[in-house]
Amino acid sequence: MAGKRERSDSRLNVARYRVERLAHETGDDEALPAVGAGQPEPEGDNDAGRPTMEQRSQFVEIAIAQAMRRGDFDDLPGAGKPLTHLTQTHDPNWWIRRKIEREQLTGLGPPALTLRTENAGLDERLDAAPTENAVRDILTDFNARVIEARRQLLGGPPVVTPVRDVDDEVARWHERRAARRRAADEERERDAAYLASLSRRERRRVLRERRGL
């Protein structure tokens, strides 16, 4: 298929690379010349029976087309989604960080990665705290571990997780808590208005259903 425009589909590029690498590693040259049957053999004793670059390209294109017909490229992870982490700097431990983030692992890996994961879920943890003092204790402990990780002398990826301003976070915790209370009060008012609109018989039936009777 020489002369045809190169496909821009990244899936085809990946498949083309895999097929070429597999053919090179296995030395499977018997199937390659068959793709270009009828074409002149390359000259020279050393190249006798060896596929030309054009024949290899044809083999790859045919293998890709067959894989597409079989549906091998359907429903691949990340299909139709933009590539992530393109704007980040190189991280030699990127695969560890992504595994921790994807599987939401805690307590594993170097502090730079565990603190980043903990920071992403810190607001939810703070919202579960019952009092302001508990919120301050959580933030103080988190900040101390971030500062300690920045002083590490054992190497590893750099710590980019920022410390949290305790007073600002406490204020945000109060705001989120007040918002949840307002939402709960509004929900109770709507429910009371709904029950008031029902007849006595319907209201008893709804209440029994809610109690699971």
N, C-alpha and C. Protein backbone atom coordinates (compact mmCIF):
# COMPACT_ATOMS: atom_id res chain seq x y z
N MET A 1 0.82 -1.20 0.00
CA MET A 1 0.00 0.00 0.00
C MET A 1 0.86 1.26 0.00
N ALA A 2 1.97 1.16 -0.75
CA ALA A 2 2.88 2.30 -0.81
C ALA A 2 2.20 3.45 -1.49
N GLY A 3 2.53 4.67 -1.06
CA GLY A 3 1.97 5.86 -1.68
C GLY A 3 0.72 6.35 -1.01
N LYS A 4 0.12 5.53 -0.17
CA LYS A 4 -1.10 5.97 0.52
C LYS A 4 -0.74 6.86 1.69
N ARG A 5 -1.65 7.73 2.01
CA ARG A 5 -1.43 8.67 3.11
C ARG A 5 -1.34 7.92 4.43
N GLU A 6 -0.39 8.28 5.25
CA GLU A 6 -0.22 7.66 6.57
C GLU A 6 -1.44 7.94 7.43
N ARG A 7 -1.89 6.93 8.10
CA ARG A 7 -3.03 7.12 9.00
C ARG A 7 -2.59 7.89 10.22
N SER A 8 -3.45 8.81 10.64
CA SER A 8 -3.14 9.61 11.84
C SER A 8 -3.73 9.01 13.09
N ASP A 9 -4.52 7.92 12.93
CA ASP A 9 -5.15 7.28 14.10
C ASP A 9 -4.06 6.71 14.99
N SER A 10 -4.00 7.14 16.22
CA SER A 10 -2.95 6.66 17.14
C SER A 10 -3.06 5.17 17.39
N ARG A 11 -4.27 4.62 17.31
CA ARG A 11 -4.42 3.19 17.51
C ARG A 11 -3.70 2.40 16.42
N LEU A 12 -3.79 2.89 15.20
CA LEU A 12 -3.11 2.22 14.10
C LEU A 12 -1.60 2.33 14.25
N ASN A 13 -1.14 3.47 14.69
CA ASN A 13 0.30 3.63 14.89
C ASN A 13 0.83 2.67 15.94
N VAL A 14 0.07 2.51 17.01
CA VAL A 14 0.48 1.57 18.06
C VAL A 14 0.49 0.14 17.53
N ALA A 15 -0.57 -0.23 16.81
CA ALA A 15 -0.65 -1.59 16.27
C ALA A 15 0.45 -1.84 15.26
N ARG A 16 0.76 -0.83 14.42
CA ARG A 16 1.81 -0.98 13.41
C ARG A 16 3.15 -1.23 14.09
N TYR A 17 3.42 -0.49 15.15
CA TYR A 17 4.67 -0.67 15.87
C TYR A 17 4.77 -2.06 16.49
N ARG A 18 3.66 -2.53 17.08
CA ARG A 18 3.68 -3.83 17.73
C ARG A 18 3.91 -4.95 16.72
N VAL A 19 3.26 -4.86 15.56
CA VAL A 19 3.42 -5.90 14.55
C VAL A 19 4.84 -5.92 14.02
N GLU A 20 5.40 -4.75 13.75
CA GLU A 20 6.78 -4.68 13.24
C GLU A 20 7.77 -5.24 14.26
N ARG A 21 7.57 -4.89 15.52
CA ARG A 21 8.47 -5.38 16.55
C ARG A 21 8.36 -6.88 16.71
N LEU A 22 7.10 -7.42 16.64
CA LEU A 22 6.91 -8.86 16.76
C LEU A 22 7.57 -9.59 15.60
N ALA A 23 7.42 -9.06 14.38
CA ALA A 23 8.04 -9.71 13.22
C ALA A 23 9.56 -9.68 13.33
N HIS A 24 10.11 -8.60 13.87
CA HIS A 24 11.56 -8.49 14.02
C HIS A 24 12.08 -9.44 15.09
N GLU A 25 11.34 -9.55 16.23
CA GLU A 25 11.82 -10.39 17.33
C GLU A 25 11.71 -11.87 17.00
N THR A 26 10.64 -12.27 16.32
CA THR A 26 10.43 -13.68 16.03
C THR A 26 11.12 -14.13 14.76
N GLY A 27 11.56 -13.16 13.92
CA GLY A 27 12.20 -13.51 12.66
C GLY A 27 11.26 -14.20 11.71
N ASP A 28 9.97 -13.89 11.82
CA ASP A 28 8.95 -14.52 10.98
C ASP A 28 8.94 -13.87 9.61
N ASP A 29 9.87 -14.27 8.76
CA ASP A 29 9.98 -13.67 7.44
C ASP A 29 9.24 -14.47 6.38
N GLU A 30 8.77 -15.68 6.74
CA GLU A 30 8.12 -16.49 5.72
C GLU A 30 6.82 -15.88 5.25
N ALA A 31 6.08 -15.26 6.21
CA ALA A 31 4.79 -14.69 5.83
C ALA A 31 4.94 -13.37 5.12
N LEU A 32 6.01 -12.66 5.35
CA LEU A 32 6.16 -11.34 4.78
C LEU A 32 6.30 -11.35 3.26
N PRO A 33 7.14 -12.18 2.63
CA PRO A 33 7.23 -12.15 1.18
C PRO A 33 5.93 -12.52 0.51
N ALA A 34 5.10 -13.34 1.19
CA ALA A 34 3.84 -13.75 0.57
C ALA A 34 2.93 -12.57 0.35
N VAL A 35 3.05 -11.54 1.19
CA VAL A 35 2.21 -10.37 1.03
C VAL A 35 2.51 -9.66 -0.26
N GLY A 36 3.77 -9.64 -0.63
CA GLY A 36 4.16 -8.96 -1.86
C GLY A 36 4.46 -9.92 -2.98
N ALA A 37 3.72 -11.01 -3.08
CA ALA A 37 3.94 -12.01 -4.11
C ALA A 37 3.83 -11.38 -5.48
N GLY A 38 4.72 -11.81 -6.35
CA GLY A 38 4.71 -11.27 -7.69
C GLY A 38 5.66 -10.13 -7.87
N GLN A 39 6.25 -9.64 -6.78
CA GLN A 39 7.21 -8.55 -6.87
C GLN A 39 8.60 -9.12 -7.03
N PRO A 40 9.52 -8.37 -7.66
CA PRO A 40 10.88 -8.89 -7.89
C PRO A 40 11.61 -9.10 -6.57
N GLU A 41 12.41 -10.16 -6.54
CA GLU A 41 13.19 -10.46 -5.35
C GLU A 41 14.36 -9.51 -5.25
N PRO A 42 14.77 -9.12 -4.09
CA PRO A 42 15.93 -8.24 -3.95
C PRO A 42 17.19 -8.94 -4.44
N GLU A 43 18.08 -8.15 -5.01
CA GLU A 43 19.30 -8.70 -5.55
C GLU A 43 20.31 -8.93 -4.44
N GLY A 44 21.26 -9.87 -4.73
CA GLY A 44 22.33 -10.13 -3.77
C GLY A 44 22.08 -11.41 -3.00
N ASP A 45 23.14 -12.17 -2.77
CA ASP A 45 23.00 -13.44 -2.06
C ASP A 45 22.60 -13.23 -0.61
N ASN A 46 23.11 -12.16 0.01
CA ASN A 46 22.82 -11.94 1.43
C ASN A 46 21.37 -11.58 1.67
N ASP A 47 20.71 -10.97 0.66
CA ASP A 47 19.33 -10.53 0.82
C ASP A 47 18.33 -11.50 0.21
N ALA A 48 18.81 -12.64 -0.27
CA ALA A 48 17.90 -13.59 -0.91
C ALA A 48 16.87 -14.08 0.11
N GLY A 49 15.61 -13.99 -0.25
CA GLY A 49 14.53 -14.45 0.63
C GLY A 49 14.14 -13.48 1.71
N ARG A 50 14.86 -12.35 1.82
CA ARG A 50 14.53 -11.37 2.83
C ARG A 50 13.45 -10.43 2.29
N PRO A 51 12.45 -10.07 3.13
CA PRO A 51 11.40 -9.16 2.65
C PRO A 51 11.93 -7.74 2.49
N THR A 52 11.41 -7.06 1.51
CA THR A 52 11.76 -5.66 1.32
C THR A 52 10.99 -4.80 2.32
N MET A 53 11.40 -3.54 2.44
CA MET A 53 10.69 -2.63 3.32
C MET A 53 9.24 -2.46 2.87
N GLU A 54 9.03 -2.46 1.57
CA GLU A 54 7.67 -2.32 1.05
C GLU A 54 6.82 -3.53 1.42
N GLN A 55 7.43 -4.71 1.36
CA GLN A 55 6.70 -5.92 1.74
C GLN A 55 6.37 -5.93 3.23
N ARG A 56 7.32 -5.48 4.03
CA ARG A 56 7.04 -5.39 5.46
C ARG A 56 5.90 -4.41 5.74
N SER A 57 5.92 -3.28 5.04
CA SER A 57 4.86 -2.30 5.22
C SER A 57 3.51 -2.88 4.84
N GLN A 58 3.47 -3.63 3.76
CA GLN A 58 2.22 -4.27 3.35
C GLN A 58 1.74 -5.27 4.39
N PHE A 59 2.67 -6.05 4.94
CA PHE A 59 2.32 -7.02 5.96
C PHE A 59 1.70 -6.34 7.18
N VAL A 60 2.32 -5.23 7.58
CA VAL A 60 1.81 -4.49 8.73
C VAL A 60 0.43 -3.94 8.45
N GLU A 61 0.23 -3.34 7.27
CA GLU A 61 -1.07 -2.77 6.94
C GLU A 61 -2.16 -3.83 6.91
N ILE A 62 -1.85 -4.98 6.35
CA ILE A 62 -2.83 -6.06 6.29
C ILE A 62 -3.16 -6.58 7.68
N ALA A 63 -2.11 -6.74 8.53
CA ALA A 63 -2.34 -7.22 9.89
C ALA A 63 -3.22 -6.24 10.67
N ILE A 64 -3.00 -4.94 10.47
CA ILE A 64 -3.81 -3.93 11.15
C ILE A 64 -5.25 -3.99 10.67
N ALA A 65 -5.43 -4.09 9.36
CA ALA A 65 -6.78 -4.16 8.81
C ALA A 65 -7.53 -5.38 9.34
N GLN A 66 -6.85 -6.51 9.41
CA GLN A 66 -7.49 -7.72 9.94
C GLN A 66 -7.84 -7.56 11.41
N ALA A 67 -6.94 -6.93 12.19
CA ALA A 67 -7.22 -6.71 13.61
C ALA A 67 -8.42 -5.78 13.79
N MET A 68 -8.54 -4.77 12.92
CA MET A 68 -9.68 -3.86 13.01
C MET A 68 -10.98 -4.58 12.70
N ARG A 69 -10.96 -5.47 11.71
CA ARG A 69 -12.17 -6.23 11.39
C ARG A 69 -12.56 -7.17 12.53
N ARG A 70 -11.56 -7.70 13.23
CA ARG A 70 -11.86 -8.56 14.38
C ARG A 70 -12.33 -7.77 15.59
N GLY A 71 -12.13 -6.46 15.57
CA GLY A 71 -12.53 -5.65 16.71
C GLY A 71 -11.51 -5.59 17.82
N ASP A 72 -10.23 -5.89 17.48
CA ASP A 72 -9.18 -5.90 18.50
C ASP A 72 -8.93 -4.51 19.09
N PHE A 73 -9.29 -3.46 18.35
CA PHE A 73 -9.03 -2.11 18.82
C PHE A 73 -10.27 -1.45 19.40
N ASP A 74 -11.36 -2.20 19.53
CA ASP A 74 -12.59 -1.63 20.07
C ASP A 74 -12.50 -1.56 21.60
N ASP A 75 -13.07 -0.51 22.16
CA ASP A 75 -13.20 -0.36 23.61
C ASP A 75 -11.84 -0.42 24.32
N LEU A 76 -10.81 0.17 23.73
CA LEU A 76 -9.52 0.25 24.40
C LEU A 76 -9.59 1.25 25.55
N PRO A 77 -8.82 1.03 26.61
CA PRO A 77 -8.83 2.01 27.72
C PRO A 77 -8.43 3.40 27.24
N GLY A 78 -9.22 4.38 27.61
CA GLY A 78 -8.94 5.75 27.22
C GLY A 78 -9.42 6.13 25.84
N ALA A 79 -10.13 5.23 25.14
CA ALA A 79 -10.60 5.55 23.79
C ALA A 79 -11.57 6.73 23.84
N GLY A 80 -11.36 7.69 22.97
CA GLY A 80 -12.24 8.86 22.89
C GLY A 80 -12.01 9.89 23.98
N LYS A 81 -10.97 9.71 24.79
CA LYS A 81 -10.69 10.64 25.87
C LYS A 81 -9.37 11.36 25.60
N PRO A 82 -9.24 12.60 26.07
CA PRO A 82 -7.98 13.32 25.85
C PRO A 82 -6.85 12.70 26.67
N LEU A 83 -5.64 12.85 26.17
CA LEU A 83 -4.48 12.34 26.89
C LEU A 83 -4.26 13.17 28.15
N THR A 84 -3.93 12.48 29.22
CA THR A 84 -3.73 13.15 30.51
C THR A 84 -2.24 13.32 30.79
N HIS A 85 -1.93 14.19 31.74
CA HIS A 85 -0.56 14.40 32.25
C HIS A 85 0.38 14.95 31.18
N LEU A 86 -0.15 15.61 30.14
CA LEU A 86 0.72 16.13 29.08
C LEU A 86 1.46 17.38 29.54
N THR A 87 0.89 18.12 30.46
CA THR A 87 1.50 19.38 30.89
C THR A 87 2.40 19.22 32.10
N GLN A 88 2.51 18.01 32.62
CA GLN A 88 3.33 17.80 33.81
C GLN A 88 4.78 17.55 33.42
N THR A 89 5.68 17.86 34.33
CA THR A 89 7.09 17.59 34.10
C THR A 89 7.36 16.09 34.22
N HIS A 90 8.50 15.67 33.71
CA HIS A 90 8.83 14.24 33.73
C HIS A 90 8.97 13.75 35.16
N ASP A 91 8.33 12.63 35.42
CA ASP A 91 8.38 12.01 36.74
C ASP A 91 8.82 10.56 36.56
N PRO A 92 10.03 10.18 36.97
CA PRO A 92 10.49 8.81 36.77
C PRO A 92 9.64 7.78 37.50
N ASN A 93 8.86 8.21 38.48
CA ASN A 93 7.99 7.29 39.22
C ASN A 93 6.53 7.49 38.85
N TRP A 94 6.28 7.89 37.60
CA TRP A 94 4.92 8.19 37.18
C TRP A 94 4.00 6.97 37.29
N TRP A 95 4.54 5.80 37.01
CA TRP A 95 3.68 4.61 37.03
C TRP A 95 3.26 4.25 38.45
N ILE A 96 4.14 4.52 39.44
CA ILE A 96 3.76 4.28 40.84
C ILE A 96 2.67 5.26 41.25
N ARG A 97 2.87 6.54 40.89
CA ARG A 97 1.90 7.56 41.25
C ARG A 97 0.53 7.27 40.64
N ARG A 98 0.51 6.88 39.37
CA ARG A 98 -0.78 6.62 38.73
C ARG A 98 -1.47 5.40 39.33
N LYS A 99 -0.70 4.38 39.69
CA LYS A 99 -1.31 3.20 40.32
C LYS A 99 -1.93 3.55 41.66
N ILE A 100 -1.21 4.37 42.44
CA ILE A 100 -1.74 4.78 43.74
C ILE A 100 -3.00 5.61 43.57
N GLU A 101 -2.99 6.54 42.60
CA GLU A 101 -4.16 7.38 42.37
C GLU A 101 -5.32 6.57 41.82
N ARG A 102 -5.03 5.65 40.87
CA ARG A 102 -6.09 4.87 40.24
C ARG A 102 -6.77 3.92 41.22
N GLU A 103 -5.97 3.25 42.05
CA GLU A 103 -6.52 2.27 42.99
C GLU A 103 -6.73 2.84 44.38
N GLN A 104 -6.47 4.16 44.52
CA GLN A 104 -6.69 4.85 45.79
C GLN A 104 -6.00 4.13 46.95
N LEU A 105 -4.74 3.80 46.72
CA LEU A 105 -3.96 3.15 47.76
C LEU A 105 -3.44 4.18 48.75
N THR A 106 -3.34 3.80 49.99
CA THR A 106 -2.83 4.70 51.02
C THR A 106 -1.71 4.02 51.78
N GLY A 107 -0.74 4.82 52.20
CA GLY A 107 0.35 4.28 52.99
C GLY A 107 1.40 3.56 52.19
N LEU A 108 1.34 3.59 50.86
CA LEU A 108 2.31 2.90 50.03
C LEU A 108 3.08 3.91 49.20
N GLY A 109 4.35 3.62 48.95
CA GLY A 109 5.15 4.48 48.10
C GLY A 109 5.87 5.54 48.89
N PRO A 110 6.70 6.32 48.21
CA PRO A 110 7.44 7.41 48.88
C PRO A 110 6.50 8.50 49.34
N PRO A 111 6.93 9.32 50.32
CA PRO A 111 6.04 10.37 50.84
C PRO A 111 5.53 11.32 49.78
N ALA A 112 6.32 11.60 48.75
CA ALA A 112 5.89 12.53 47.71
C ALA A 112 4.60 12.05 47.05
N LEU A 113 4.43 10.73 46.93
CA LEU A 113 3.25 10.19 46.27
C LEU A 113 2.10 10.00 47.25
N THR A 114 2.40 9.49 48.45
CA THR A 114 1.33 9.26 49.42
C THR A 114 0.71 10.57 49.89
N LEU A 115 1.55 11.60 50.05
CA LEU A 115 1.02 12.90 50.47
C LEU A 115 0.15 13.52 49.38
N ARG A 116 0.54 13.31 48.11
CA ARG A 116 -0.26 13.85 47.02
C ARG A 116 -1.64 13.20 46.99
N THR A 117 -1.68 11.89 47.21
CA THR A 117 -2.96 11.19 47.25
C THR A 117 -3.79 11.64 48.45
N GLU A 118 -3.14 11.78 49.60
CA GLU A 118 -3.84 12.22 50.81
C GLU A 118 -4.38 13.63 50.65
N ASN A 119 -3.61 14.50 49.99
CA ASN A 119 -4.04 15.87 49.78
C ASN A 119 -5.30 15.94 48.91
N ALA A 120 -5.40 15.03 47.93
CA ALA A 120 -6.56 15.03 47.05
C ALA A 120 -7.85 14.69 47.80
N GLY A 121 -7.75 13.89 48.85
CA GLY A 121 -8.95 13.52 49.61
C GLY A 121 -9.04 14.16 50.97
N LEU A 122 -8.24 15.20 51.20
CA LEU A 122 -8.19 15.79 52.53
C LEU A 122 -9.48 16.52 52.88
N ASP A 123 -10.10 17.20 51.92
CA ASP A 123 -11.35 17.92 52.21
C ASP A 123 -12.43 16.96 52.71
N GLU A 124 -12.52 15.82 52.06
CA GLU A 124 -13.53 14.83 52.48
C GLU A 124 -13.24 14.33 53.90
N ARG A 125 -11.97 14.15 54.19
CA ARG A 125 -11.60 13.72 55.54
C ARG A 125 -11.93 14.79 56.56
N LEU A 126 -11.68 16.05 56.21
CA LEU A 126 -12.00 17.15 57.12
C LEU A 126 -13.50 17.25 57.35
N ASP A 127 -14.28 17.04 56.29
CA ASP A 127 -15.74 17.13 56.43
C ASP A 127 -16.28 16.08 57.39
N ALA A 128 -15.56 14.97 57.52
CA ALA A 128 -16.01 13.92 58.44
C ALA A 128 -15.62 14.20 59.88
N ALA A 129 -14.79 15.21 60.11
CA ALA A 129 -14.38 15.55 61.47
C ALA A 129 -15.55 16.18 62.22
N PRO A 130 -15.76 15.82 63.49
CA PRO A 130 -16.94 16.31 64.20
C PRO A 130 -16.81 17.72 64.76
N THR A 131 -15.57 18.15 65.04
CA THR A 131 -15.40 19.45 65.69
C THR A 131 -14.28 20.23 65.01
N GLU A 132 -14.23 21.54 65.32
CA GLU A 132 -13.17 22.38 64.77
C GLU A 132 -11.81 21.96 65.29
N ASN A 133 -11.74 21.56 66.55
CA ASN A 133 -10.46 21.12 67.10
C ASN A 133 -9.93 19.89 66.36
N ALA A 134 -10.84 18.98 66.00
CA ALA A 134 -10.42 17.80 65.26
C ALA A 134 -9.89 18.19 63.88
N VAL A 135 -10.52 19.18 63.26
CA VAL A 135 -10.05 19.68 61.96
C VAL A 135 -8.65 20.26 62.09
N ARG A 136 -8.43 21.05 63.11
CA ARG A 136 -7.11 21.66 63.31
C ARG A 136 -6.05 20.59 63.57
N ASP A 137 -6.40 19.56 64.33
CA ASP A 137 -5.43 18.48 64.59
C ASP A 137 -5.05 17.77 63.30
N ILE A 138 -6.02 17.50 62.45
CA ILE A 138 -5.75 16.82 61.17
C ILE A 138 -4.83 17.68 60.30
N LEU A 139 -5.13 18.96 60.22
CA LEU A 139 -4.34 19.85 59.38
C LEU A 139 -2.92 20.03 59.92
N THR A 140 -2.80 20.14 61.23
CA THR A 140 -1.47 20.29 61.83
C THR A 140 -0.61 19.06 61.56
N ASP A 141 -1.19 17.89 61.71
CA ASP A 141 -0.46 16.65 61.44
C ASP A 141 -0.08 16.55 59.96
N PHE A 142 -1.00 16.92 59.07
CA PHE A 142 -0.73 16.85 57.63
C PHE A 142 0.41 17.79 57.26
N ASN A 143 0.35 19.03 57.73
CA ASN A 143 1.40 20.00 57.41
C ASN A 143 2.76 19.56 57.94
N ALA A 144 2.77 18.98 59.12
CA ALA A 144 4.05 18.54 59.71
C ALA A 144 4.67 17.44 58.85
N ARG A 145 3.86 16.54 58.34
CA ARG A 145 4.40 15.46 57.51
C ARG A 145 4.86 15.97 56.15
N VAL A 146 4.19 16.98 55.61
CA VAL A 146 4.64 17.58 54.35
C VAL A 146 6.00 18.25 54.54
N ILE A 147 6.15 19.01 55.61
CA ILE A 147 7.41 19.70 55.87
C ILE A 147 8.53 18.70 56.11
N GLU A 148 8.24 17.64 56.83
CA GLU A 148 9.24 16.62 57.10
C GLU A 148 9.66 15.91 55.80
N ALA A 149 8.69 15.65 54.92
CA ALA A 149 9.01 14.99 53.65
C ALA A 149 9.90 15.87 52.77
N ARG A 150 9.72 17.19 52.86
CA ARG A 150 10.55 18.10 52.06
C ARG A 150 12.01 18.10 52.53
N ARG A 151 12.22 17.68 53.76
CA ARG A 151 13.58 17.64 54.30
C ARG A 151 14.26 16.29 54.10
N GLN A 152 13.61 15.40 53.39
CA GLN A 152 14.14 14.05 53.26
C GLN A 152 15.52 14.08 52.60
N LEU A 153 16.36 13.15 53.05
CA LEU A 153 17.72 13.04 52.53
C LEU A 153 17.96 11.70 51.86
N LEU A 154 16.91 10.92 51.68
CA LEU A 154 17.05 9.58 51.12
C LEU A 154 16.76 9.54 49.62
N GLY A 155 16.58 10.68 48.99
CA GLY A 155 16.27 10.70 47.57
C GLY A 155 14.79 10.48 47.31
N GLY A 156 14.46 10.12 46.09
CA GLY A 156 13.07 9.93 45.73
C GLY A 156 12.52 11.14 45.01
N PRO A 157 11.29 11.06 44.51
CA PRO A 157 10.69 12.17 43.79
C PRO A 157 10.50 13.38 44.69
N PRO A 158 10.53 14.58 44.13
CA PRO A 158 10.37 15.78 44.96
C PRO A 158 8.96 15.89 45.51
N VAL A 159 8.84 16.52 46.66
CA VAL A 159 7.54 16.73 47.30
C VAL A 159 6.96 18.05 46.80
N VAL A 160 5.88 17.96 46.07
CA VAL A 160 5.23 19.16 45.51
C VAL A 160 3.91 19.46 46.21
N THR A 161 3.51 18.63 47.15
CA THR A 161 2.25 18.85 47.87
C THR A 161 2.37 20.08 48.75
N PRO A 162 1.46 21.03 48.64
CA PRO A 162 1.56 22.24 49.48
C PRO A 162 1.00 21.98 50.87
N VAL A 163 1.46 22.79 51.81
CA VAL A 163 0.86 22.76 53.14
C VAL A 163 -0.46 23.52 53.09
N ARG A 164 -1.33 23.24 54.03
CA ARG A 164 -2.64 23.90 54.10
C ARG A 164 -2.62 24.97 55.18
N ASP A 165 -3.20 26.14 54.85
CA ASP A 165 -3.37 27.20 55.85
C ASP A 165 -4.49 26.77 56.80
N VAL A 166 -4.14 26.59 58.06
CA VAL A 166 -5.09 26.01 59.02
C VAL A 166 -6.33 26.90 59.17
N ASP A 167 -6.14 28.20 59.36
CA ASP A 167 -7.28 29.09 59.56
C ASP A 167 -8.19 29.13 58.32
N ASP A 168 -7.59 29.19 57.14
CA ASP A 168 -8.40 29.20 55.91
C ASP A 168 -9.18 27.90 55.76
N GLU A 169 -8.53 26.79 56.06
CA GLU A 169 -9.20 25.50 55.92
C GLU A 169 -10.32 25.34 56.94
N VAL A 170 -10.11 25.86 58.14
CA VAL A 170 -11.18 25.80 59.15
C VAL A 170 -12.37 26.63 58.70
N ALA A 171 -12.11 27.81 58.11
CA ALA A 171 -13.20 28.64 57.61
C ALA A 171 -13.95 27.93 56.50
N ARG A 172 -13.24 27.28 55.60
CA ARG A 172 -13.89 26.54 54.52
C ARG A 172 -14.68 25.35 55.07
N TRP A 173 -14.15 24.72 56.13
CA TRP A 173 -14.87 23.61 56.76
C TRP A 173 -16.20 24.10 57.33
N HIS A 174 -16.20 25.27 58.00
CA HIS A 174 -17.44 25.83 58.53
C HIS A 174 -18.43 26.15 57.39
N GLU A 175 -17.91 26.68 56.29
CA GLU A 175 -18.79 27.02 55.16
C GLU A 175 -19.43 25.76 54.57
N ARG A 176 -18.65 24.73 54.37
CA ARG A 176 -19.20 23.48 53.81
C ARG A 176 -20.20 22.85 54.78
N ARG A 177 -19.89 22.93 56.07
CA ARG A 177 -20.79 22.36 57.08
C ARG A 177 -22.12 23.11 57.11
N ALA A 178 -22.05 24.45 57.03
CA ALA A 178 -23.28 25.26 57.01
C ALA A 178 -24.07 24.98 55.74
N ALA A 179 -23.38 24.79 54.62
CA ALA A 179 -24.08 24.51 53.36
C ALA A 179 -24.80 23.16 53.44
N ARG A 180 -24.18 22.17 54.06
CA ARG A 180 -24.83 20.87 54.21
C ARG A 180 -26.06 20.97 55.11
N ARG A 181 -25.94 21.76 56.16
CA ARG A 181 -27.10 21.93 57.05
C ARG A 181 -28.24 22.62 56.34
N ARG A 182 -27.93 23.65 55.55
CA ARG A 182 -28.99 24.34 54.80
C ARG A 182 -29.65 23.38 53.82
N ALA A 183 -28.85 22.58 53.15
CA ALA A 183 -29.41 21.62 52.19
C ALA A 183 -30.30 20.61 52.90
N ALA A 184 -29.88 20.16 54.09
CA ALA A 184 -30.69 19.20 54.84
C ALA A 184 -31.99 19.83 55.31
N ASP A 185 -31.94 21.09 55.77
CA ASP A 185 -33.15 21.78 56.22
C ASP A 185 -34.13 21.96 55.05
N GLU A 186 -33.59 22.34 53.88
CA GLU A 186 -34.46 22.52 52.71
C GLU A 186 -35.10 21.21 52.31
N GLU A 187 -34.34 20.13 52.40
CA GLU A 187 -34.89 18.82 52.05
C GLU A 187 -36.00 18.42 53.02
N ARG A 188 -35.81 18.70 54.31
CA ARG A 188 -36.86 18.38 55.29
C ARG A 188 -38.11 19.22 55.04
N GLU A 189 -37.94 20.49 54.68
CA GLU A 189 -39.09 21.34 54.40
C GLU A 189 -39.85 20.85 53.17
N ARG A 190 -39.14 20.45 52.15
CA ARG A 190 -39.80 19.92 50.96
C ARG A 190 -40.56 18.64 51.28
N ASP A 191 -39.94 17.79 52.11
CA ASP A 191 -40.60 16.54 52.46
C ASP A 191 -41.84 16.79 53.31
N ALA A 192 -41.75 17.76 54.25
CA ALA A 192 -42.91 18.08 55.09
C ALA A 192 -44.05 18.64 54.23
N ALA A 193 -43.71 19.48 53.26
CA ALA A 193 -44.74 20.02 52.37
C ALA A 193 -45.37 18.92 51.53
N TYR A 194 -44.56 17.97 51.10
CA TYR A 194 -45.10 16.86 50.31
C TYR A 194 -46.07 16.01 51.14
N LEU A 195 -45.68 15.69 52.37
CA LEU A 195 -46.55 14.89 53.22
C LEU A 195 -47.84 15.65 53.56
N ALA A 196 -47.74 16.97 53.76
CA ALA A 196 -48.92 17.77 54.07
C ALA A 196 -49.91 17.80 52.91
N SER A 197 -49.40 17.62 51.69
CA SER A 197 -50.29 17.66 50.52
C SER A 197 -51.05 16.35 50.32
N LEU A 198 -50.66 15.31 51.07
CA LEU A 198 -51.30 14.00 50.92
C LEU A 198 -52.50 13.89 51.85
N SER A 199 -53.37 12.99 51.49
CA SER A 199 -54.48 12.67 52.40
C SER A 199 -53.94 11.87 53.57
N ARG A 200 -54.75 11.72 54.62
CA ARG A 200 -54.28 10.99 55.78
C ARG A 200 -53.93 9.55 55.42
N ARG A 201 -54.75 8.94 54.60
CA ARG A 201 -54.50 7.54 54.22
C ARG A 201 -53.21 7.41 53.41
N GLU A 202 -53.03 8.29 52.45
CA GLU A 202 -51.81 8.25 51.64
C GLU A 202 -50.58 8.55 52.48
N ARG A 203 -50.72 9.48 53.42
CA ARG A 203 -49.59 9.83 54.27
C ARG A 203 -49.17 8.63 55.13
N ARG A 204 -50.16 7.90 55.69
CA ARG A 204 -49.82 6.71 56.47
C ARG A 204 -49.13 5.66 55.61
N ARG A 205 -49.60 5.51 54.37
CA ARG A 205 -48.99 4.52 53.48
C ARG A 205 -47.54 4.89 53.16
N VAL A 206 -47.28 6.16 52.88
CA VAL A 206 -45.91 6.60 52.59
C VAL A 206 -45.01 6.40 53.78
N LEU A 207 -45.49 6.74 54.97
CA LEU A 207 -44.67 6.59 56.17
C LEU A 207 -44.39 5.12 56.47
N ARG A 208 -45.38 4.25 56.23
CA ARG A 208 -45.13 2.82 56.43
C ARG A 208 -44.08 2.30 55.45
N GLU A 209 -44.15 2.75 54.21
CA GLU A 209 -43.16 2.33 53.23
C GLU A 209 -41.75 2.79 53.61
N ARG A 210 -41.66 3.99 54.17
CA ARG A 210 -40.35 4.48 54.57
C ARG A 210 -39.78 3.71 55.74
N ARG A 211 -40.66 3.24 56.62
CA ARG A 211 -40.21 2.45 57.77
C ARG A 211 -39.99 1.01 57.40
N GLY A 212 -40.33 0.64 56.14
CA GLY A 212 -40.15 -0.73 55.70
C GLY A 212 -41.19 -1.68 56.26
N LEU A 213 -42.36 -1.14 56.60
CA LEU A 213 -43.43 -2.00 57.15
C LEU A 213 -44.34 -2.50 56.02
